[in-house]
Amino acid sequence: MNQEHGLPAAIRALFCCCLCLALAACDPRAPAVPQSGDALPSLQLVGLADGRQYATDDWKGSVLVINFWATWCEPCRREMPSLEALQRRFAGAPVRVIGITMDDDLNLAREFLLAQKITFPNHAEAPGARARDALSVQLLPETILVDVGGRIAARVKGARDWAGADAVAELNALLRGERLPGS
């Protein structure tokens, strides 16, 4: 057994790998996860219904409910009707519910939306633009709430009843320019 400084080669190699991973995690150049109070990065999107290019900058001045989802994600599928109900409840108000699918097969996403009668705008990431990476979305579903000033108000990980009283109260607070508790 080749030992240097009393450690077997395999243990030294494992130690070096762990050290490299730890140092990489501390890299000051690594993008930070956007949090409450941070400006929403400009996201480039493609509309599923019309194929047009969109940018989240175009929606400043509205409260945004940006939902990352996929057809293969069961909690995402269950959550969609409540997002649709939220969109209907705030019709006429400066609130935009926006879906961003992570599906590779955009026709499958379109078919799902039609079958479920989902009418709020849904998009895909524009080629070369990674909305998921810009917002550090790791798990689905995840919803980002953005205030009228274009700042992230909250990150909601996992499915939620968006038609429920708590969600409605949060959006009303954002419309009044208030900060959400915990942000």
N, C-alpha and C. Protein backbone atom coordinates (compact mmCIF):
# COMPACT_ATOMS: atom_id res chain seq x y z
N MET A 1 0.86 -1.18 0.00
CA MET A 1 0.00 0.00 0.00
C MET A 1 0.90 1.24 0.00
N ASN A 2 0.67 2.10 -0.97
CA ASN A 2 1.44 3.33 -1.09
C ASN A 2 0.87 4.36 -0.12
N GLN A 3 1.65 4.75 0.85
CA GLN A 3 1.19 5.74 1.82
C GLN A 3 2.13 6.93 1.82
N GLU A 4 1.54 8.10 1.83
CA GLU A 4 2.32 9.32 1.96
C GLU A 4 1.74 10.06 3.15
N HIS A 5 2.53 10.43 4.06
CA HIS A 5 2.08 11.11 5.29
C HIS A 5 1.09 10.25 6.05
N GLY A 6 1.21 8.92 5.97
CA GLY A 6 0.39 8.03 6.76
C GLY A 6 -1.02 7.82 6.24
N LEU A 7 -1.42 8.34 5.06
CA LEU A 7 -2.76 8.15 4.53
C LEU A 7 -2.71 7.31 3.26
N PRO A 8 -3.57 6.30 3.13
CA PRO A 8 -3.62 5.53 1.89
C PRO A 8 -4.02 6.44 0.72
N ALA A 9 -3.60 6.09 -0.49
CA ALA A 9 -3.84 6.90 -1.68
C ALA A 9 -5.32 7.15 -1.91
N ALA A 10 -6.17 6.17 -1.69
CA ALA A 10 -7.62 6.32 -1.93
C ALA A 10 -8.21 7.36 -0.98
N ILE A 11 -7.77 7.36 0.26
CA ILE A 11 -8.29 8.33 1.23
C ILE A 11 -7.80 9.73 0.86
N ARG A 12 -6.53 9.85 0.44
CA ARG A 12 -6.02 11.16 0.00
C ARG A 12 -6.82 11.67 -1.19
N ALA A 13 -7.12 10.79 -2.14
CA ALA A 13 -7.89 11.20 -3.33
C ALA A 13 -9.28 11.66 -2.93
N LEU A 14 -9.92 10.92 -2.03
CA LEU A 14 -11.25 11.29 -1.56
C LEU A 14 -11.21 12.64 -0.83
N PHE A 15 -10.21 12.83 0.00
CA PHE A 15 -10.05 14.09 0.71
C PHE A 15 -9.88 15.25 -0.28
N CYS A 16 -9.06 15.05 -1.31
CA CYS A 16 -8.84 16.10 -2.32
C CYS A 16 -10.12 16.43 -3.06
N CYS A 17 -10.91 15.40 -3.40
CA CYS A 17 -12.19 15.64 -4.09
C CYS A 17 -13.13 16.45 -3.20
N CYS A 18 -13.22 16.08 -1.94
CA CYS A 18 -14.09 16.80 -1.01
C CYS A 18 -13.63 18.25 -0.85
N LEU A 19 -12.33 18.45 -0.76
CA LEU A 19 -11.79 19.80 -0.62
C LEU A 19 -12.11 20.64 -1.86
N CYS A 20 -11.97 20.04 -3.04
CA CYS A 20 -12.27 20.77 -4.28
C CYS A 20 -13.75 21.14 -4.34
N LEU A 21 -14.63 20.22 -3.97
CA LEU A 21 -16.06 20.52 -3.97
C LEU A 21 -16.39 21.63 -2.98
N ALA A 22 -15.78 21.58 -1.81
CA ALA A 22 -16.04 22.62 -0.81
C ALA A 22 -15.55 23.98 -1.30
N LEU A 23 -14.40 24.01 -1.93
CA LEU A 23 -13.88 25.27 -2.45
C LEU A 23 -14.74 25.79 -3.60
N ALA A 24 -15.22 24.89 -4.45
CA ALA A 24 -16.08 25.30 -5.56
C ALA A 24 -17.39 25.90 -5.03
N ALA A 25 -17.90 25.34 -3.94
CA ALA A 25 -19.14 25.85 -3.35
C ALA A 25 -18.94 27.25 -2.77
N CYS A 26 -17.73 27.58 -2.41
CA CYS A 26 -17.42 28.89 -1.84
C CYS A 26 -16.97 29.89 -2.90
N ASP A 27 -17.02 29.51 -4.16
CA ASP A 27 -16.56 30.36 -5.25
C ASP A 27 -17.34 31.67 -5.25
N PRO A 28 -16.69 32.82 -5.06
CA PRO A 28 -17.41 34.10 -5.04
C PRO A 28 -18.01 34.45 -6.40
N ARG A 29 -17.56 33.77 -7.46
CA ARG A 29 -18.12 34.03 -8.79
C ARG A 29 -19.40 33.23 -9.02
N ALA A 30 -19.69 32.27 -8.15
CA ALA A 30 -20.90 31.46 -8.31
C ALA A 30 -22.12 32.36 -8.11
N PRO A 31 -23.12 32.20 -8.99
CA PRO A 31 -24.30 33.07 -8.87
C PRO A 31 -25.06 32.79 -7.57
N ALA A 32 -25.50 33.85 -6.94
CA ALA A 32 -26.28 33.72 -5.72
C ALA A 32 -27.72 33.39 -6.08
N VAL A 33 -28.39 32.71 -5.20
CA VAL A 33 -29.80 32.41 -5.40
C VAL A 33 -30.59 33.69 -5.13
N PRO A 34 -31.32 34.20 -6.14
CA PRO A 34 -32.11 35.41 -5.90
C PRO A 34 -33.12 35.19 -4.77
N GLN A 35 -33.16 36.10 -3.82
CA GLN A 35 -33.99 35.99 -2.64
C GLN A 35 -34.98 37.15 -2.57
N SER A 36 -35.83 37.12 -1.56
CA SER A 36 -36.78 38.21 -1.33
C SER A 36 -36.03 39.53 -1.23
N GLY A 37 -36.55 40.52 -1.95
CA GLY A 37 -35.94 41.85 -1.97
C GLY A 37 -35.01 42.06 -3.14
N ASP A 38 -34.53 40.98 -3.76
CA ASP A 38 -33.66 41.11 -4.93
C ASP A 38 -34.50 41.44 -6.16
N ALA A 39 -33.89 42.15 -7.10
CA ALA A 39 -34.56 42.44 -8.36
C ALA A 39 -34.72 41.14 -9.15
N LEU A 40 -35.85 41.00 -9.79
CA LEU A 40 -36.07 39.85 -10.66
C LEU A 40 -35.15 39.99 -11.87
N PRO A 41 -34.31 38.98 -12.14
CA PRO A 41 -33.49 39.06 -13.34
C PRO A 41 -34.39 39.07 -14.58
N SER A 42 -33.93 39.71 -15.63
CA SER A 42 -34.70 39.70 -16.87
C SER A 42 -34.69 38.29 -17.45
N LEU A 43 -35.88 37.74 -17.65
CA LEU A 43 -36.02 36.40 -18.20
C LEU A 43 -36.54 36.49 -19.63
N GLN A 44 -35.94 35.74 -20.52
CA GLN A 44 -36.37 35.69 -21.92
C GLN A 44 -37.18 34.41 -22.10
N LEU A 45 -38.40 34.55 -22.60
CA LEU A 45 -39.32 33.44 -22.71
C LEU A 45 -39.95 33.39 -24.10
N VAL A 46 -40.47 32.22 -24.45
CA VAL A 46 -41.20 32.03 -25.70
C VAL A 46 -42.61 31.58 -25.35
N GLY A 47 -43.61 32.28 -25.87
CA GLY A 47 -45.00 31.93 -25.59
C GLY A 47 -45.36 30.59 -26.20
N LEU A 48 -45.97 29.71 -25.42
CA LEU A 48 -46.38 28.41 -25.94
C LEU A 48 -47.50 28.55 -26.96
N ALA A 49 -48.39 29.51 -26.76
CA ALA A 49 -49.55 29.66 -27.64
C ALA A 49 -49.20 30.34 -28.96
N ASP A 50 -48.26 31.30 -28.92
CA ASP A 50 -48.02 32.09 -30.13
C ASP A 50 -46.58 32.06 -30.64
N GLY A 51 -45.66 31.48 -29.88
CA GLY A 51 -44.27 31.40 -30.32
C GLY A 51 -43.51 32.72 -30.27
N ARG A 52 -44.16 33.77 -29.75
CA ARG A 52 -43.52 35.09 -29.67
C ARG A 52 -42.51 35.13 -28.53
N GLN A 53 -41.55 36.04 -28.66
CA GLN A 53 -40.55 36.26 -27.60
C GLN A 53 -41.13 37.22 -26.57
N TYR A 54 -40.92 36.91 -25.32
CA TYR A 54 -41.36 37.76 -24.21
C TYR A 54 -40.19 37.97 -23.26
N ALA A 55 -40.25 39.06 -22.51
CA ALA A 55 -39.27 39.33 -21.46
C ALA A 55 -40.04 39.76 -20.22
N THR A 56 -39.60 39.30 -19.07
CA THR A 56 -40.29 39.67 -17.83
C THR A 56 -40.22 41.17 -17.59
N ASP A 57 -39.24 41.84 -18.16
CA ASP A 57 -39.16 43.31 -18.02
C ASP A 57 -40.41 43.98 -18.57
N ASP A 58 -41.05 43.35 -19.55
CA ASP A 58 -42.26 43.91 -20.16
C ASP A 58 -43.43 43.96 -19.18
N TRP A 59 -43.36 43.20 -18.10
CA TRP A 59 -44.48 43.10 -17.17
C TRP A 59 -44.24 43.89 -15.88
N LYS A 60 -43.23 44.74 -15.85
CA LYS A 60 -43.00 45.55 -14.65
C LYS A 60 -44.22 46.42 -14.40
N GLY A 61 -44.49 46.66 -13.15
CA GLY A 61 -45.68 47.42 -12.78
C GLY A 61 -46.85 46.52 -12.45
N SER A 62 -46.67 45.22 -12.64
CA SER A 62 -47.68 44.23 -12.27
C SER A 62 -47.09 43.32 -11.20
N VAL A 63 -47.96 42.75 -10.38
CA VAL A 63 -47.55 41.67 -9.49
C VAL A 63 -47.46 40.43 -10.36
N LEU A 64 -46.33 39.73 -10.28
CA LEU A 64 -46.13 38.52 -11.08
C LEU A 64 -46.17 37.29 -10.19
N VAL A 65 -46.84 36.28 -10.69
CA VAL A 65 -46.85 34.95 -10.08
C VAL A 65 -46.25 34.04 -11.13
N ILE A 66 -44.94 33.76 -11.02
CA ILE A 66 -44.21 33.00 -12.03
C ILE A 66 -44.07 31.57 -11.53
N ASN A 67 -44.75 30.65 -12.21
CA ASN A 67 -44.80 29.26 -11.79
C ASN A 67 -43.98 28.38 -12.74
N PHE A 68 -42.96 27.70 -12.19
CA PHE A 68 -42.17 26.73 -12.94
C PHE A 68 -42.82 25.36 -12.76
N TRP A 69 -43.09 24.67 -13.87
CA TRP A 69 -43.84 23.42 -13.81
C TRP A 69 -43.42 22.50 -14.97
N ALA A 70 -43.93 21.27 -14.94
CA ALA A 70 -43.73 20.32 -16.04
C ALA A 70 -44.88 19.32 -16.01
N THR A 71 -45.18 18.75 -17.17
CA THR A 71 -46.27 17.77 -17.25
C THR A 71 -45.93 16.49 -16.49
N TRP A 72 -44.67 16.14 -16.36
CA TRP A 72 -44.27 14.92 -15.67
C TRP A 72 -44.23 15.10 -14.15
N CYS A 73 -44.51 16.29 -13.67
CA CYS A 73 -44.50 16.61 -12.24
C CYS A 73 -45.94 16.56 -11.71
N GLU A 74 -46.27 15.52 -10.97
CA GLU A 74 -47.64 15.35 -10.48
C GLU A 74 -48.11 16.52 -9.60
N PRO A 75 -47.30 17.01 -8.64
CA PRO A 75 -47.75 18.17 -7.86
C PRO A 75 -48.00 19.40 -8.75
N CYS A 76 -47.21 19.55 -9.81
CA CYS A 76 -47.42 20.68 -10.74
C CYS A 76 -48.79 20.55 -11.41
N ARG A 77 -49.10 19.35 -11.84
CA ARG A 77 -50.38 19.11 -12.53
C ARG A 77 -51.56 19.41 -11.60
N ARG A 78 -51.44 19.00 -10.34
CA ARG A 78 -52.52 19.24 -9.37
C ARG A 78 -52.67 20.72 -9.04
N GLU A 79 -51.58 21.48 -9.10
CA GLU A 79 -51.57 22.89 -8.73
C GLU A 79 -52.18 23.79 -9.80
N MET A 80 -52.13 23.37 -11.04
CA MET A 80 -52.54 24.24 -12.15
C MET A 80 -53.96 24.79 -12.05
N PRO A 81 -54.97 24.01 -11.67
CA PRO A 81 -56.32 24.59 -11.57
C PRO A 81 -56.40 25.74 -10.55
N SER A 82 -55.64 25.67 -9.47
CA SER A 82 -55.71 26.77 -8.50
C SER A 82 -55.02 28.02 -9.04
N LEU A 83 -53.99 27.85 -9.85
CA LEU A 83 -53.37 29.01 -10.51
C LEU A 83 -54.33 29.63 -11.50
N GLU A 84 -55.09 28.80 -12.21
CA GLU A 84 -56.10 29.29 -13.14
C GLU A 84 -57.17 30.08 -12.38
N ALA A 85 -57.60 29.55 -11.23
CA ALA A 85 -58.60 30.24 -10.41
C ALA A 85 -58.05 31.58 -9.91
N LEU A 86 -56.78 31.62 -9.55
CA LEU A 86 -56.15 32.85 -9.11
C LEU A 86 -56.15 33.89 -10.24
N GLN A 87 -55.83 33.45 -11.43
CA GLN A 87 -55.83 34.36 -12.59
C GLN A 87 -57.23 34.95 -12.79
N ARG A 88 -58.25 34.11 -12.71
CA ARG A 88 -59.63 34.59 -12.89
C ARG A 88 -60.01 35.56 -11.78
N ARG A 89 -59.61 35.25 -10.55
CA ARG A 89 -59.98 36.10 -9.40
C ARG A 89 -59.41 37.51 -9.56
N PHE A 90 -58.21 37.62 -10.11
CA PHE A 90 -57.55 38.92 -10.23
C PHE A 90 -57.66 39.50 -11.65
N ALA A 91 -58.60 39.01 -12.43
CA ALA A 91 -58.81 39.54 -13.79
C ALA A 91 -59.10 41.04 -13.67
N GLY A 92 -58.45 41.82 -14.47
CA GLY A 92 -58.64 43.27 -14.44
C GLY A 92 -57.69 43.99 -13.49
N ALA A 93 -57.06 43.26 -12.58
CA ALA A 93 -56.07 43.85 -11.66
C ALA A 93 -54.68 43.68 -12.28
N PRO A 94 -53.73 44.48 -11.86
CA PRO A 94 -52.37 44.32 -12.40
C PRO A 94 -51.63 43.13 -11.77
N VAL A 95 -52.21 41.94 -11.98
CA VAL A 95 -51.62 40.68 -11.52
C VAL A 95 -51.51 39.77 -12.73
N ARG A 96 -50.33 39.22 -12.93
CA ARG A 96 -50.12 38.29 -14.05
C ARG A 96 -49.65 36.95 -13.50
N VAL A 97 -50.40 35.92 -13.83
CA VAL A 97 -49.97 34.55 -13.55
C VAL A 97 -49.28 34.08 -14.81
N ILE A 98 -48.06 33.60 -14.66
CA ILE A 98 -47.24 33.19 -15.80
C ILE A 98 -46.67 31.81 -15.51
N GLY A 99 -46.92 30.88 -16.41
CA GLY A 99 -46.34 29.55 -16.29
C GLY A 99 -45.10 29.44 -17.16
N ILE A 100 -44.10 28.72 -16.65
CA ILE A 100 -42.90 28.41 -17.44
C ILE A 100 -42.70 26.91 -17.36
N THR A 101 -42.92 26.23 -18.48
CA THR A 101 -42.78 24.78 -18.48
C THR A 101 -41.31 24.37 -18.62
N MET A 102 -40.97 23.30 -17.96
CA MET A 102 -39.65 22.72 -18.06
C MET A 102 -39.67 21.48 -18.96
N ASP A 103 -40.81 21.26 -19.62
CA ASP A 103 -40.93 20.12 -20.53
C ASP A 103 -40.04 20.31 -21.75
N ASP A 104 -39.43 19.22 -22.20
CA ASP A 104 -38.69 19.24 -23.46
C ASP A 104 -39.66 19.17 -24.64
N ASP A 105 -40.75 18.43 -24.46
CA ASP A 105 -41.76 18.29 -25.51
C ASP A 105 -42.83 19.37 -25.31
N LEU A 106 -42.68 20.47 -26.04
CA LEU A 106 -43.60 21.59 -25.85
C LEU A 106 -45.00 21.27 -26.34
N ASN A 107 -45.15 20.36 -27.30
CA ASN A 107 -46.48 19.94 -27.74
C ASN A 107 -47.22 19.22 -26.62
N LEU A 108 -46.52 18.43 -25.84
CA LEU A 108 -47.12 17.75 -24.70
C LEU A 108 -47.61 18.79 -23.68
N ALA A 109 -46.82 19.81 -23.44
CA ALA A 109 -47.22 20.88 -22.51
C ALA A 109 -48.46 21.59 -23.04
N ARG A 110 -48.49 21.90 -24.34
CA ARG A 110 -49.65 22.56 -24.93
C ARG A 110 -50.90 21.69 -24.81
N GLU A 111 -50.76 20.40 -25.07
CA GLU A 111 -51.90 19.47 -24.96
C GLU A 111 -52.43 19.43 -23.53
N PHE A 112 -51.53 19.40 -22.56
CA PHE A 112 -51.95 19.39 -21.16
C PHE A 112 -52.74 20.65 -20.84
N LEU A 113 -52.23 21.81 -21.25
CA LEU A 113 -52.90 23.08 -20.95
C LEU A 113 -54.29 23.12 -21.60
N LEU A 114 -54.41 22.64 -22.82
CA LEU A 114 -55.72 22.61 -23.50
C LEU A 114 -56.68 21.66 -22.78
N ALA A 115 -56.20 20.48 -22.45
CA ALA A 115 -57.05 19.48 -21.79
C ALA A 115 -57.54 19.97 -20.43
N GLN A 116 -56.72 20.72 -19.72
CA GLN A 116 -57.07 21.21 -18.39
C GLN A 116 -57.75 22.58 -18.42
N LYS A 117 -57.92 23.13 -19.64
CA LYS A 117 -58.55 24.45 -19.82
C LYS A 117 -57.79 25.55 -19.05
N ILE A 118 -56.47 25.49 -19.13
CA ILE A 118 -55.62 26.50 -18.50
C ILE A 118 -55.44 27.64 -19.49
N THR A 119 -55.85 28.84 -19.10
CA THR A 119 -55.82 29.98 -20.02
C THR A 119 -54.76 31.02 -19.69
N PHE A 120 -54.18 30.97 -18.48
CA PHE A 120 -53.16 31.97 -18.18
C PHE A 120 -51.94 31.71 -19.06
N PRO A 121 -51.18 32.75 -19.41
CA PRO A 121 -50.07 32.60 -20.35
C PRO A 121 -49.01 31.63 -19.84
N ASN A 122 -48.61 30.75 -20.73
CA ASN A 122 -47.54 29.80 -20.42
C ASN A 122 -46.44 29.94 -21.45
N HIS A 123 -45.23 29.71 -20.99
CA HIS A 123 -44.05 29.94 -21.80
C HIS A 123 -43.06 28.80 -21.63
N ALA A 124 -42.07 28.82 -22.51
CA ALA A 124 -40.89 27.97 -22.40
C ALA A 124 -39.69 28.90 -22.33
N GLU A 125 -38.58 28.36 -21.85
CA GLU A 125 -37.36 29.16 -21.84
C GLU A 125 -36.95 29.44 -23.28
N ALA A 126 -36.53 30.65 -23.57
CA ALA A 126 -36.04 30.99 -24.91
C ALA A 126 -34.75 30.21 -25.16
N PRO A 127 -34.50 29.85 -26.42
CA PRO A 127 -33.25 29.13 -26.71
C PRO A 127 -32.04 29.89 -26.19
N GLY A 128 -31.20 29.20 -25.45
CA GLY A 128 -30.00 29.82 -24.91
C GLY A 128 -30.22 30.63 -23.64
N ALA A 129 -31.48 30.87 -23.26
CA ALA A 129 -31.79 31.64 -22.05
C ALA A 129 -32.33 30.67 -21.02
N ARG A 130 -31.70 30.61 -19.90
CA ARG A 130 -32.09 29.64 -18.88
C ARG A 130 -32.75 30.34 -17.70
N ALA A 131 -34.07 30.52 -17.78
CA ALA A 131 -34.82 31.16 -16.70
C ALA A 131 -34.65 30.37 -15.40
N ARG A 132 -34.68 29.05 -15.52
CA ARG A 132 -34.54 28.19 -14.34
C ARG A 132 -33.19 28.45 -13.65
N ASP A 133 -32.13 28.59 -14.44
CA ASP A 133 -30.81 28.85 -13.86
C ASP A 133 -30.72 30.25 -13.27
N ALA A 134 -31.30 31.23 -13.97
CA ALA A 134 -31.24 32.62 -13.49
C ALA A 134 -31.89 32.77 -12.13
N LEU A 135 -32.91 31.94 -11.85
CA LEU A 135 -33.61 32.01 -10.57
C LEU A 135 -33.25 30.86 -9.64
N SER A 136 -32.29 30.03 -10.05
CA SER A 136 -31.84 28.89 -9.24
C SER A 136 -32.99 27.98 -8.83
N VAL A 137 -33.88 27.69 -9.76
CA VAL A 137 -34.99 26.76 -9.50
C VAL A 137 -34.44 25.35 -9.60
N GLN A 138 -34.56 24.60 -8.51
CA GLN A 138 -34.01 23.24 -8.45
C GLN A 138 -35.09 22.17 -8.49
N LEU A 139 -36.21 22.42 -7.85
CA LEU A 139 -37.29 21.44 -7.75
C LEU A 139 -38.58 22.04 -8.29
N LEU A 140 -39.47 21.18 -8.75
CA LEU A 140 -40.76 21.63 -9.27
C LEU A 140 -41.88 21.11 -8.38
N PRO A 141 -42.98 21.84 -8.29
CA PRO A 141 -43.14 23.19 -8.77
C PRO A 141 -42.46 24.20 -7.84
N GLU A 142 -42.12 25.32 -8.43
CA GLU A 142 -41.66 26.46 -7.63
C GLU A 142 -42.30 27.71 -8.23
N THR A 143 -42.76 28.58 -7.35
CA THR A 143 -43.42 29.81 -7.78
C THR A 143 -42.70 31.00 -7.17
N ILE A 144 -42.42 31.98 -8.01
CA ILE A 144 -41.75 33.21 -7.58
C ILE A 144 -42.80 34.32 -7.62
N LEU A 145 -43.01 34.98 -6.48
CA LEU A 145 -43.89 36.15 -6.41
C LEU A 145 -43.04 37.40 -6.56
N VAL A 146 -43.47 38.30 -7.44
CA VAL A 146 -42.71 39.51 -7.73
C VAL A 146 -43.62 40.71 -7.49
N ASP A 147 -43.12 41.72 -6.77
CA ASP A 147 -43.94 42.89 -6.48
C ASP A 147 -44.00 43.84 -7.67
N VAL A 148 -44.80 44.89 -7.56
CA VAL A 148 -44.99 45.81 -8.67
C VAL A 148 -43.70 46.55 -9.04
N GLY A 149 -42.73 46.61 -8.14
CA GLY A 149 -41.45 47.25 -8.42
C GLY A 149 -40.44 46.33 -9.07
N GLY A 150 -40.84 45.07 -9.35
CA GLY A 150 -39.93 44.14 -10.00
C GLY A 150 -38.99 43.42 -9.05
N ARG A 151 -39.32 43.41 -7.76
CA ARG A 151 -38.50 42.73 -6.76
C ARG A 151 -39.15 41.43 -6.32
N ILE A 152 -38.33 40.43 -6.08
CA ILE A 152 -38.84 39.15 -5.61
C ILE A 152 -39.43 39.35 -4.22
N ALA A 153 -40.70 38.98 -4.07
CA ALA A 153 -41.38 39.13 -2.79
C ALA A 153 -41.35 37.82 -2.00
N ALA A 154 -41.36 36.69 -2.71
CA ALA A 154 -41.35 35.39 -2.03
C ALA A 154 -41.04 34.30 -3.04
N ARG A 155 -40.52 33.21 -2.53
CA ARG A 155 -40.29 31.98 -3.30
C ARG A 155 -41.10 30.89 -2.62
N VAL A 156 -41.96 30.25 -3.38
CA VAL A 156 -42.81 29.18 -2.83
C VAL A 156 -42.38 27.88 -3.47
N LYS A 157 -41.79 27.01 -2.66
CA LYS A 157 -41.34 25.70 -3.15
C LYS A 157 -42.42 24.67 -2.87
N GLY A 158 -42.80 23.94 -3.90
CA GLY A 158 -43.83 22.93 -3.76
C GLY A 158 -45.19 23.48 -4.16
N ALA A 159 -46.13 22.57 -4.26
CA ALA A 159 -47.49 22.93 -4.68
C ALA A 159 -48.20 23.69 -3.57
N ARG A 160 -49.16 24.51 -3.99
CA ARG A 160 -49.91 25.34 -3.05
C ARG A 160 -51.32 25.55 -3.60
N ASP A 161 -52.25 25.83 -2.73
CA ASP A 161 -53.59 26.20 -3.17
C ASP A 161 -53.58 27.70 -3.41
N TRP A 162 -53.42 28.08 -4.68
CA TRP A 162 -53.31 29.50 -5.03
C TRP A 162 -54.65 30.21 -5.00
N ALA A 163 -55.73 29.47 -4.94
CA ALA A 163 -57.05 30.10 -4.85
C ALA A 163 -57.47 30.30 -3.40
N GLY A 164 -56.65 29.83 -2.47
CA GLY A 164 -56.97 29.93 -1.05
C GLY A 164 -56.80 31.33 -0.49
N ALA A 165 -57.35 31.53 0.69
CA ALA A 165 -57.36 32.85 1.33
C ALA A 165 -55.95 33.40 1.58
N ASP A 166 -54.99 32.53 1.95
CA ASP A 166 -53.64 33.02 2.23
C ASP A 166 -52.98 33.59 0.99
N ALA A 167 -53.09 32.89 -0.13
CA ALA A 167 -52.48 33.36 -1.37
C ALA A 167 -53.13 34.65 -1.84
N VAL A 168 -54.45 34.72 -1.76
CA VAL A 168 -55.17 35.93 -2.17
C VAL A 168 -54.76 37.11 -1.30
N ALA A 169 -54.63 36.90 0.01
CA ALA A 169 -54.21 37.96 0.93
C ALA A 169 -52.80 38.45 0.58
N GLU A 170 -51.90 37.52 0.25
CA GLU A 170 -50.54 37.92 -0.12
C GLU A 170 -50.53 38.79 -1.38
N LEU A 171 -51.30 38.38 -2.38
CA LEU A 171 -51.34 39.18 -3.62
C LEU A 171 -51.98 40.54 -3.38
N ASN A 172 -53.02 40.59 -2.56
CA ASN A 172 -53.62 41.89 -2.23
C ASN A 172 -52.62 42.78 -1.51
N ALA A 173 -51.82 42.21 -0.62
CA ALA A 173 -50.79 42.97 0.08
C ALA A 173 -49.76 43.51 -0.91
N LEU A 174 -49.35 42.68 -1.86
CA LEU A 174 -48.39 43.14 -2.86
C LEU A 174 -48.98 44.25 -3.73
N LEU A 175 -50.26 44.15 -4.05
CA LEU A 175 -50.92 45.21 -4.82
C LEU A 175 -50.94 46.54 -4.07
N ARG A 176 -51.03 46.45 -2.73
CA ARG A 176 -51.01 47.67 -1.90
C ARG A 176 -49.60 48.17 -1.65
N GLY A 177 -48.60 47.46 -2.17
CA GLY A 177 -47.21 47.87 -2.00
C GLY A 177 -46.60 47.42 -0.69
N GLU A 178 -47.24 46.50 -0.01
CA GLU A 178 -46.73 46.01 1.28
C GLU A 178 -45.76 44.88 1.06
N ARG A 179 -44.86 44.70 2.02
CA ARG A 179 -43.95 43.55 2.02
C ARG A 179 -44.65 42.37 2.65
N LEU A 180 -44.30 41.19 2.20
CA LEU A 180 -44.88 39.99 2.77
C LEU A 180 -44.13 39.61 4.04
N PRO A 181 -44.84 39.02 5.00
CA PRO A 181 -44.14 38.58 6.23
C PRO A 181 -43.02 37.61 5.87
N GLY A 182 -41.89 37.78 6.53
CA GLY A 182 -40.75 36.89 6.30
C GLY A 182 -39.90 37.30 5.11
N SER A 183 -40.24 38.41 4.47
CA SER A 183 -39.41 38.82 3.31
C SER A 183 -38.63 40.07 3.63
